Amino acid sequence: MCATASLVWSAGCYELRPAGTTAPQPGETIGLDISDAGRVALGGSMGPEIGQVEGRLVERTPTDYVVAVTDVHMLRGGEQTWTGENIHIPAGYVTTVYERRLSKAKSVALAAVGVGAVAVLVSRGLNGLGDASRPEPSPGDTAHTVLRPWP
């Protein structure tokens, strides 16, 4: 049970939060809010309604971000899943930079649910169905009744 709890805890819940004064480092998961000018410029390759680009930061220069894109969030809702294509996004097209950070509150809630689920399974037997031993079937037990064709 302890191993399961630690597995749930290590999975954790992450969220994107504004980076603030810290600059994201290559390899970190980031989100970039795209400006109106960026939507116009990137619209041909990424779609005209880009709200936010999410992915792993490959490289950061003073003039642009290179991101292995995993998700594109649209302005009016909806999301496109990408497979990590590297996209160059000029810094002038970015209004806000987000970093992926562990959400302690969500992680604790997830761990509590996971530990509770394990406790329920253990209390009912490891297979979740209770006692695995079954008595022999009775003659009226339909799971073992053999139907014979009508003569």
N, C-alpha and C. Protein backbone atom coordinates (compact mmCIF):
# COMPACT_ATOMS: atom_id res chain seq x y z
N MET A 1 0.83 -1.18 0.00
CA MET A 1 0.00 0.00 0.00
C MET A 1 0.88 1.25 0.00
N CYS A 2 1.97 1.20 0.71
CA CYS A 2 2.87 2.35 0.77
C CYS A 2 3.50 2.61 -0.60
N ALA A 3 3.81 1.53 -1.32
CA ALA A 3 4.39 1.69 -2.65
C ALA A 3 3.41 2.36 -3.59
N THR A 4 2.13 1.99 -3.47
CA THR A 4 1.11 2.60 -4.33
C THR A 4 0.97 4.08 -4.01
N ALA A 5 0.98 4.42 -2.74
CA ALA A 5 0.86 5.83 -2.35
C ALA A 5 2.03 6.64 -2.89
N SER A 6 3.23 6.08 -2.84
CA SER A 6 4.38 6.83 -3.35
C SER A 6 4.32 6.96 -4.87
N LEU A 7 3.77 5.94 -5.54
CA LEU A 7 3.62 6.01 -6.99
C LEU A 7 2.64 7.12 -7.37
N VAL A 8 1.51 7.18 -6.65
CA VAL A 8 0.52 8.24 -6.90
C VAL A 8 1.14 9.60 -6.62
N TRP A 9 1.90 9.71 -5.52
CA TRP A 9 2.52 10.99 -5.18
C TRP A 9 3.53 11.41 -6.23
N SER A 10 4.33 10.46 -6.72
CA SER A 10 5.35 10.82 -7.70
C SER A 10 4.74 11.26 -9.02
N ALA A 11 3.57 10.71 -9.34
CA ALA A 11 2.88 11.14 -10.57
C ALA A 11 2.50 12.60 -10.43
N GLY A 12 1.87 12.95 -9.32
CA GLY A 12 1.55 14.33 -9.02
C GLY A 12 0.65 14.99 -10.04
N CYS A 13 0.32 16.22 -9.77
CA CYS A 13 -0.46 17.03 -10.68
C CYS A 13 0.34 18.29 -10.97
N TYR A 14 0.48 18.57 -12.22
CA TYR A 14 1.24 19.75 -12.63
C TYR A 14 0.31 20.76 -13.27
N GLU A 15 0.73 22.01 -13.22
CA GLU A 15 -0.02 23.07 -13.89
C GLU A 15 0.96 24.10 -14.42
N LEU A 16 0.50 24.87 -15.39
CA LEU A 16 1.33 25.94 -15.93
C LEU A 16 1.07 27.20 -15.12
N ARG A 17 2.16 27.82 -14.65
CA ARG A 17 2.07 29.07 -13.89
C ARG A 17 3.00 30.08 -14.54
N PRO A 18 2.65 31.36 -14.47
CA PRO A 18 3.55 32.38 -15.04
C PRO A 18 4.97 32.23 -14.49
N ALA A 19 5.94 32.33 -15.38
CA ALA A 19 7.34 32.13 -15.01
C ALA A 19 7.86 33.22 -14.10
N GLY A 20 7.32 34.40 -14.18
CA GLY A 20 7.79 35.51 -13.33
C GLY A 20 9.19 35.94 -13.74
N THR A 21 10.07 36.07 -12.76
CA THR A 21 11.42 36.56 -13.03
C THR A 21 12.39 35.46 -13.44
N THR A 22 12.03 34.21 -13.22
CA THR A 22 12.93 33.11 -13.59
C THR A 22 12.75 32.77 -15.06
N ALA A 23 13.85 32.53 -15.73
CA ALA A 23 13.80 32.17 -17.15
C ALA A 23 13.75 30.65 -17.26
N PRO A 24 12.81 30.11 -18.03
CA PRO A 24 12.76 28.66 -18.21
C PRO A 24 14.06 28.14 -18.85
N GLN A 25 14.45 26.97 -18.47
CA GLN A 25 15.67 26.35 -18.98
C GLN A 25 15.32 25.30 -20.03
N PRO A 26 16.21 25.06 -20.99
CA PRO A 26 15.96 24.01 -21.98
C PRO A 26 15.66 22.67 -21.29
N GLY A 27 14.67 21.98 -21.84
CA GLY A 27 14.23 20.72 -21.27
C GLY A 27 12.98 20.85 -20.43
N GLU A 28 12.68 22.05 -19.95
CA GLU A 28 11.48 22.27 -19.13
C GLU A 28 10.25 22.37 -20.02
N THR A 29 9.10 21.99 -19.45
CA THR A 29 7.83 22.16 -20.14
C THR A 29 7.35 23.58 -19.90
N ILE A 30 7.00 24.27 -20.98
CA ILE A 30 6.56 25.66 -20.88
C ILE A 30 5.28 25.86 -21.68
N GLY A 31 4.65 27.00 -21.44
CA GLY A 31 3.53 27.46 -22.23
C GLY A 31 3.82 28.88 -22.66
N LEU A 32 3.43 29.22 -23.86
CA LEU A 32 3.65 30.57 -24.38
C LEU A 32 2.32 31.12 -24.88
N ASP A 33 1.84 32.23 -24.29
CA ASP A 33 0.68 32.92 -24.83
C ASP A 33 1.13 33.68 -26.06
N ILE A 34 0.37 33.57 -27.13
CA ILE A 34 0.74 34.18 -28.41
C ILE A 34 -0.07 35.47 -28.62
N SER A 35 0.62 36.52 -29.06
CA SER A 35 -0.01 37.82 -29.31
C SER A 35 -0.80 37.80 -30.62
N ASP A 36 -1.55 38.88 -30.86
CA ASP A 36 -2.30 39.00 -32.12
C ASP A 36 -1.37 38.97 -33.32
N ALA A 37 -0.24 39.69 -33.22
CA ALA A 37 0.73 39.69 -34.32
C ALA A 37 1.28 38.28 -34.54
N GLY A 38 1.51 37.55 -33.44
CA GLY A 38 1.99 36.18 -33.54
C GLY A 38 0.99 35.26 -34.20
N ARG A 39 -0.30 35.45 -33.89
CA ARG A 39 -1.35 34.64 -34.53
C ARG A 39 -1.37 34.84 -36.04
N VAL A 40 -1.20 36.09 -36.45
CA VAL A 40 -1.18 36.39 -37.89
C VAL A 40 0.05 35.75 -38.54
N ALA A 41 1.21 35.93 -37.91
CA ALA A 41 2.46 35.42 -38.49
C ALA A 41 2.53 33.90 -38.47
N LEU A 42 2.08 33.27 -37.41
CA LEU A 42 2.18 31.81 -37.27
C LEU A 42 0.95 31.08 -37.78
N GLY A 43 -0.08 31.83 -38.14
CA GLY A 43 -1.34 31.22 -38.55
C GLY A 43 -1.24 30.25 -39.70
N GLY A 44 -0.34 30.51 -40.64
CA GLY A 44 -0.20 29.61 -41.78
C GLY A 44 0.31 28.23 -41.40
N SER A 45 1.17 28.16 -40.41
CA SER A 45 1.73 26.86 -40.03
C SER A 45 1.06 26.23 -38.82
N MET A 46 0.43 27.04 -37.97
CA MET A 46 -0.14 26.49 -36.74
C MET A 46 -1.64 26.71 -36.61
N GLY A 47 -2.22 27.50 -37.47
CA GLY A 47 -3.64 27.79 -37.38
C GLY A 47 -3.87 29.21 -36.91
N PRO A 48 -4.95 29.86 -37.37
CA PRO A 48 -5.16 31.28 -37.12
C PRO A 48 -5.66 31.62 -35.71
N GLU A 49 -6.09 30.65 -34.93
CA GLU A 49 -6.68 30.96 -33.62
C GLU A 49 -5.83 30.47 -32.46
N ILE A 50 -4.51 30.51 -32.60
CA ILE A 50 -3.62 30.05 -31.54
C ILE A 50 -3.76 30.95 -30.33
N GLY A 51 -4.02 30.36 -29.18
CA GLY A 51 -4.04 31.12 -27.94
C GLY A 51 -2.76 30.88 -27.15
N GLN A 52 -2.39 29.61 -27.06
CA GLN A 52 -1.21 29.25 -26.29
C GLN A 52 -0.56 28.02 -26.91
N VAL A 53 0.77 28.04 -26.91
CA VAL A 53 1.56 26.91 -27.39
C VAL A 53 2.22 26.28 -26.16
N GLU A 54 2.13 24.96 -26.07
CA GLU A 54 2.72 24.25 -24.92
C GLU A 54 3.68 23.18 -25.43
N GLY A 55 4.79 23.01 -24.74
CA GLY A 55 5.75 21.98 -25.12
C GLY A 55 7.04 22.09 -24.33
N ARG A 56 8.03 21.35 -24.78
CA ARG A 56 9.34 21.33 -24.12
C ARG A 56 10.23 22.38 -24.77
N LEU A 57 10.84 23.22 -23.94
CA LEU A 57 11.76 24.24 -24.45
C LEU A 57 13.03 23.56 -24.93
N VAL A 58 13.33 23.72 -26.22
CA VAL A 58 14.54 23.14 -26.80
C VAL A 58 15.69 24.13 -26.70
N GLU A 59 15.39 25.39 -27.02
CA GLU A 59 16.44 26.42 -27.00
C GLU A 59 15.79 27.78 -26.79
N ARG A 60 16.49 28.65 -26.07
CA ARG A 60 16.02 30.02 -25.86
C ARG A 60 17.15 30.95 -26.23
N THR A 61 16.89 31.82 -27.19
CA THR A 61 17.85 32.87 -27.55
C THR A 61 17.20 34.21 -27.19
N PRO A 62 17.95 35.29 -27.26
CA PRO A 62 17.33 36.60 -26.97
C PRO A 62 16.20 36.96 -27.93
N THR A 63 16.20 36.35 -29.11
CA THR A 63 15.19 36.74 -30.11
C THR A 63 14.07 35.72 -30.31
N ASP A 64 14.27 34.46 -29.90
CA ASP A 64 13.19 33.50 -30.10
C ASP A 64 13.25 32.29 -29.17
N TYR A 65 12.15 31.56 -29.18
CA TYR A 65 12.03 30.30 -28.44
C TYR A 65 11.95 29.18 -29.48
N VAL A 66 12.63 28.08 -29.21
CA VAL A 66 12.45 26.88 -30.02
C VAL A 66 11.77 25.88 -29.09
N VAL A 67 10.55 25.49 -29.48
CA VAL A 67 9.72 24.64 -28.63
C VAL A 67 9.35 23.37 -29.38
N ALA A 68 9.52 22.22 -28.70
CA ALA A 68 9.01 20.94 -29.22
C ALA A 68 7.55 20.89 -28.78
N VAL A 69 6.66 21.26 -29.69
CA VAL A 69 5.25 21.50 -29.35
C VAL A 69 4.51 20.19 -29.09
N THR A 70 3.77 20.17 -27.96
CA THR A 70 2.93 19.01 -27.64
C THR A 70 1.45 19.35 -27.71
N ASP A 71 1.09 20.61 -27.45
CA ASP A 71 -0.32 21.03 -27.48
C ASP A 71 -0.42 22.47 -27.96
N VAL A 72 -1.47 22.73 -28.70
CA VAL A 72 -1.81 24.10 -29.09
C VAL A 72 -3.23 24.34 -28.61
N HIS A 73 -3.39 25.34 -27.73
CA HIS A 73 -4.69 25.68 -27.19
C HIS A 73 -5.27 26.84 -28.00
N MET A 74 -6.50 26.70 -28.44
CA MET A 74 -7.15 27.68 -29.30
C MET A 74 -7.83 28.78 -28.48
N LEU A 75 -8.02 29.93 -29.09
CA LEU A 75 -8.63 31.08 -28.42
C LEU A 75 -10.06 30.77 -27.96
N ARG A 76 -10.82 30.11 -28.78
CA ARG A 76 -12.23 29.86 -28.47
C ARG A 76 -12.46 28.46 -27.91
N GLY A 77 -11.43 27.93 -27.29
CA GLY A 77 -11.53 26.58 -26.74
C GLY A 77 -11.03 25.58 -27.76
N GLY A 78 -10.87 24.38 -27.34
CA GLY A 78 -10.34 23.35 -28.22
C GLY A 78 -8.83 23.28 -28.11
N GLU A 79 -8.34 22.16 -28.54
CA GLU A 79 -6.92 21.89 -28.40
C GLU A 79 -6.46 20.99 -29.55
N GLN A 80 -5.26 21.24 -30.03
CA GLN A 80 -4.63 20.36 -31.02
C GLN A 80 -3.45 19.68 -30.34
N THR A 81 -3.36 18.37 -30.51
CA THR A 81 -2.22 17.64 -29.97
C THR A 81 -1.17 17.51 -31.04
N TRP A 82 0.05 17.85 -30.70
CA TRP A 82 1.19 17.74 -31.62
C TRP A 82 2.12 16.67 -31.10
N THR A 83 3.06 16.25 -31.94
CA THR A 83 3.96 15.16 -31.57
C THR A 83 5.39 15.62 -31.34
N GLY A 84 5.56 16.85 -30.90
CA GLY A 84 6.90 17.34 -30.54
C GLY A 84 7.67 17.99 -31.67
N GLU A 85 6.97 18.49 -32.70
CA GLU A 85 7.67 19.19 -33.78
C GLU A 85 8.31 20.47 -33.22
N ASN A 86 9.55 20.75 -33.64
CA ASN A 86 10.25 21.96 -33.22
C ASN A 86 9.73 23.15 -34.00
N ILE A 87 9.27 24.17 -33.27
CA ILE A 87 8.75 25.39 -33.87
C ILE A 87 9.53 26.58 -33.30
N HIS A 88 9.98 27.47 -34.18
CA HIS A 88 10.65 28.71 -33.78
C HIS A 88 9.57 29.77 -33.58
N ILE A 89 9.52 30.32 -32.38
CA ILE A 89 8.54 31.37 -32.08
C ILE A 89 9.31 32.61 -31.65
N PRO A 90 9.25 33.67 -32.46
CA PRO A 90 9.94 34.90 -32.08
C PRO A 90 9.43 35.45 -30.75
N ALA A 91 10.34 35.94 -29.92
CA ALA A 91 9.99 36.46 -28.59
C ALA A 91 8.98 37.59 -28.68
N GLY A 92 8.99 38.35 -29.76
CA GLY A 92 8.04 39.45 -29.93
C GLY A 92 6.60 38.97 -30.09
N TYR A 93 6.39 37.71 -30.38
CA TYR A 93 5.04 37.15 -30.53
C TYR A 93 4.51 36.55 -29.23
N VAL A 94 5.30 36.60 -28.17
CA VAL A 94 4.94 35.98 -26.90
C VAL A 94 4.55 37.04 -25.90
N THR A 95 3.35 36.90 -25.30
CA THR A 95 2.91 37.87 -24.29
C THR A 95 3.18 37.39 -22.87
N THR A 96 3.07 36.09 -22.61
CA THR A 96 3.32 35.54 -21.28
C THR A 96 4.00 34.19 -21.42
N VAL A 97 4.98 33.94 -20.55
CA VAL A 97 5.69 32.65 -20.50
C VAL A 97 5.25 31.93 -19.23
N TYR A 98 4.91 30.65 -19.38
CA TYR A 98 4.49 29.82 -18.25
C TYR A 98 5.47 28.67 -18.07
N GLU A 99 5.64 28.26 -16.79
CA GLU A 99 6.45 27.09 -16.47
C GLU A 99 5.55 26.02 -15.87
N ARG A 100 5.90 24.78 -16.11
CA ARG A 100 5.15 23.66 -15.52
C ARG A 100 5.68 23.46 -14.11
N ARG A 101 4.78 23.54 -13.13
CA ARG A 101 5.17 23.38 -11.74
C ARG A 101 4.24 22.39 -11.06
N LEU A 102 4.76 21.73 -10.04
CA LEU A 102 3.98 20.79 -9.26
C LEU A 102 2.94 21.55 -8.45
N SER A 103 1.68 21.12 -8.55
CA SER A 103 0.61 21.68 -7.73
C SER A 103 0.48 20.82 -6.49
N LYS A 104 0.93 21.32 -5.34
CA LYS A 104 0.93 20.53 -4.12
C LYS A 104 -0.49 20.15 -3.71
N ALA A 105 -1.43 21.08 -3.79
CA ALA A 105 -2.80 20.80 -3.36
C ALA A 105 -3.43 19.71 -4.23
N LYS A 106 -3.28 19.81 -5.53
CA LYS A 106 -3.85 18.80 -6.42
C LYS A 106 -3.17 17.45 -6.24
N SER A 107 -1.87 17.46 -6.01
CA SER A 107 -1.12 16.22 -5.80
C SER A 107 -1.55 15.53 -4.51
N VAL A 108 -1.76 16.30 -3.45
CA VAL A 108 -2.21 15.72 -2.19
C VAL A 108 -3.60 15.12 -2.37
N ALA A 109 -4.48 15.82 -3.08
CA ALA A 109 -5.83 15.29 -3.33
C ALA A 109 -5.76 14.00 -4.14
N LEU A 110 -4.92 13.97 -5.16
CA LEU A 110 -4.75 12.76 -5.98
C LEU A 110 -4.22 11.62 -5.13
N ALA A 111 -3.25 11.89 -4.28
CA ALA A 111 -2.69 10.85 -3.41
C ALA A 111 -3.76 10.32 -2.46
N ALA A 112 -4.59 11.20 -1.90
CA ALA A 112 -5.65 10.76 -0.98
C ALA A 112 -6.64 9.86 -1.69
N VAL A 113 -7.02 10.22 -2.92
CA VAL A 113 -7.93 9.38 -3.69
C VAL A 113 -7.28 8.03 -3.99
N GLY A 114 -6.02 8.05 -4.37
CA GLY A 114 -5.31 6.80 -4.67
C GLY A 114 -5.19 5.89 -3.47
N VAL A 115 -4.85 6.46 -2.32
CA VAL A 115 -4.74 5.67 -1.09
C VAL A 115 -6.11 5.14 -0.68
N GLY A 116 -7.14 5.95 -0.84
CA GLY A 116 -8.50 5.50 -0.52
C GLY A 116 -8.93 4.35 -1.42
N ALA A 117 -8.62 4.43 -2.70
CA ALA A 117 -8.98 3.35 -3.63
C ALA A 117 -8.25 2.07 -3.27
N VAL A 118 -6.98 2.17 -2.91
CA VAL A 118 -6.22 0.99 -2.50
C VAL A 118 -6.82 0.39 -1.23
N ALA A 119 -7.20 1.24 -0.27
CA ALA A 119 -7.80 0.76 0.97
C ALA A 119 -9.10 0.00 0.70
N VAL A 120 -9.91 0.52 -0.21
CA VAL A 120 -11.16 -0.16 -0.57
C VAL A 120 -10.86 -1.52 -1.20
N LEU A 121 -9.91 -1.58 -2.11
CA LEU A 121 -9.57 -2.86 -2.76
C LEU A 121 -9.02 -3.86 -1.74
N VAL A 122 -8.18 -3.40 -0.83
CA VAL A 122 -7.61 -4.31 0.17
C VAL A 122 -8.70 -4.82 1.09
N SER A 123 -9.65 -3.95 1.47
CA SER A 123 -10.72 -4.38 2.38
C SER A 123 -11.66 -5.38 1.71
N ARG A 124 -11.75 -5.37 0.39
CA ARG A 124 -12.64 -6.29 -0.33
C ARG A 124 -11.88 -7.48 -0.90
N GLY A 125 -10.63 -7.57 -0.66
CA GLY A 125 -9.80 -8.62 -1.27
C GLY A 125 -9.03 -7.97 -2.40
N LEU A 126 -7.87 -8.48 -2.70
CA LEU A 126 -7.01 -7.84 -3.69
C LEU A 126 -7.63 -7.81 -5.08
N ASN A 127 -8.53 -8.72 -5.39
CA ASN A 127 -9.13 -8.69 -6.72
C ASN A 127 -10.35 -7.78 -6.77
N GLY A 128 -10.70 -7.16 -5.65
CA GLY A 128 -11.80 -6.21 -5.64
C GLY A 128 -13.16 -6.86 -5.60
N LEU A 129 -13.23 -8.18 -5.58
CA LEU A 129 -14.51 -8.87 -5.60
C LEU A 129 -14.79 -9.61 -4.31
N GLY A 130 -13.96 -9.45 -3.31
CA GLY A 130 -14.18 -10.15 -2.06
C GLY A 130 -13.42 -11.45 -2.03
N ASP A 131 -13.94 -12.42 -1.30
CA ASP A 131 -13.30 -13.70 -1.11
C ASP A 131 -13.25 -14.47 -2.42
N ALA A 132 -12.06 -14.95 -2.78
CA ALA A 132 -11.90 -15.65 -4.06
C ALA A 132 -12.41 -17.08 -4.01
N SER A 133 -12.56 -17.67 -2.81
CA SER A 133 -13.04 -19.04 -2.74
C SER A 133 -14.56 -19.05 -2.92
N ARG A 134 -15.03 -20.00 -3.71
CA ARG A 134 -16.48 -20.12 -3.99
C ARG A 134 -16.92 -21.54 -3.68
N PRO A 135 -18.10 -21.69 -3.14
CA PRO A 135 -18.60 -23.03 -2.94
C PRO A 135 -18.95 -23.66 -4.29
N GLU A 136 -19.13 -24.95 -4.29
CA GLU A 136 -19.54 -25.64 -5.51
C GLU A 136 -20.88 -25.09 -5.97
N PRO A 137 -21.11 -25.03 -7.28
CA PRO A 137 -22.39 -24.50 -7.77
C PRO A 137 -23.56 -25.38 -7.36
N SER A 138 -24.67 -24.73 -7.04
CA SER A 138 -25.89 -25.48 -6.72
C SER A 138 -26.57 -25.90 -8.02
N PRO A 139 -27.50 -26.88 -7.96
CA PRO A 139 -28.14 -27.34 -9.20
C PRO A 139 -28.88 -26.23 -9.95
N GLY A 140 -29.39 -25.23 -9.27
CA GLY A 140 -30.13 -24.16 -9.95
C GLY A 140 -29.25 -23.00 -10.38
N ASP A 141 -27.95 -23.09 -10.18
CA ASP A 141 -27.02 -22.02 -10.54
C ASP A 141 -26.96 -21.89 -12.05
N THR A 142 -27.47 -20.80 -12.60
CA THR A 142 -27.58 -20.65 -14.06
C THR A 142 -26.23 -20.53 -14.74
N ALA A 143 -25.22 -20.16 -13.99
CA ALA A 143 -23.90 -20.06 -14.61
C ALA A 143 -23.34 -21.43 -14.97
N HIS A 144 -23.90 -22.49 -14.37
CA HIS A 144 -23.39 -23.84 -14.61
C HIS A 144 -24.48 -24.77 -15.14
N THR A 145 -25.66 -24.23 -15.42
CA THR A 145 -26.75 -25.06 -15.91
C THR A 145 -26.52 -25.33 -17.39
N VAL A 146 -26.68 -26.58 -17.79
CA VAL A 146 -26.52 -26.95 -19.18
C VAL A 146 -27.90 -27.05 -19.81
N LEU A 147 -28.11 -26.31 -20.86
CA LEU A 147 -29.39 -26.37 -21.59
C LEU A 147 -29.28 -27.42 -22.67
N ARG A 148 -30.30 -28.26 -22.76
CA ARG A 148 -30.30 -29.31 -23.77
C ARG A 148 -31.32 -28.94 -24.84
N PRO A 149 -31.05 -29.31 -26.08
CA PRO A 149 -32.00 -28.97 -27.16
C PRO A 149 -33.34 -29.70 -26.95
N TRP A 150 -34.41 -29.10 -27.41
CA TRP A 150 -35.74 -29.66 -27.33
C TRP A 150 -35.84 -30.84 -28.31
N PRO A 151 -36.38 -32.01 -27.84
CA PRO A 151 -36.43 -33.15 -28.74
C PRO A 151 -37.39 -33.02 -29.89
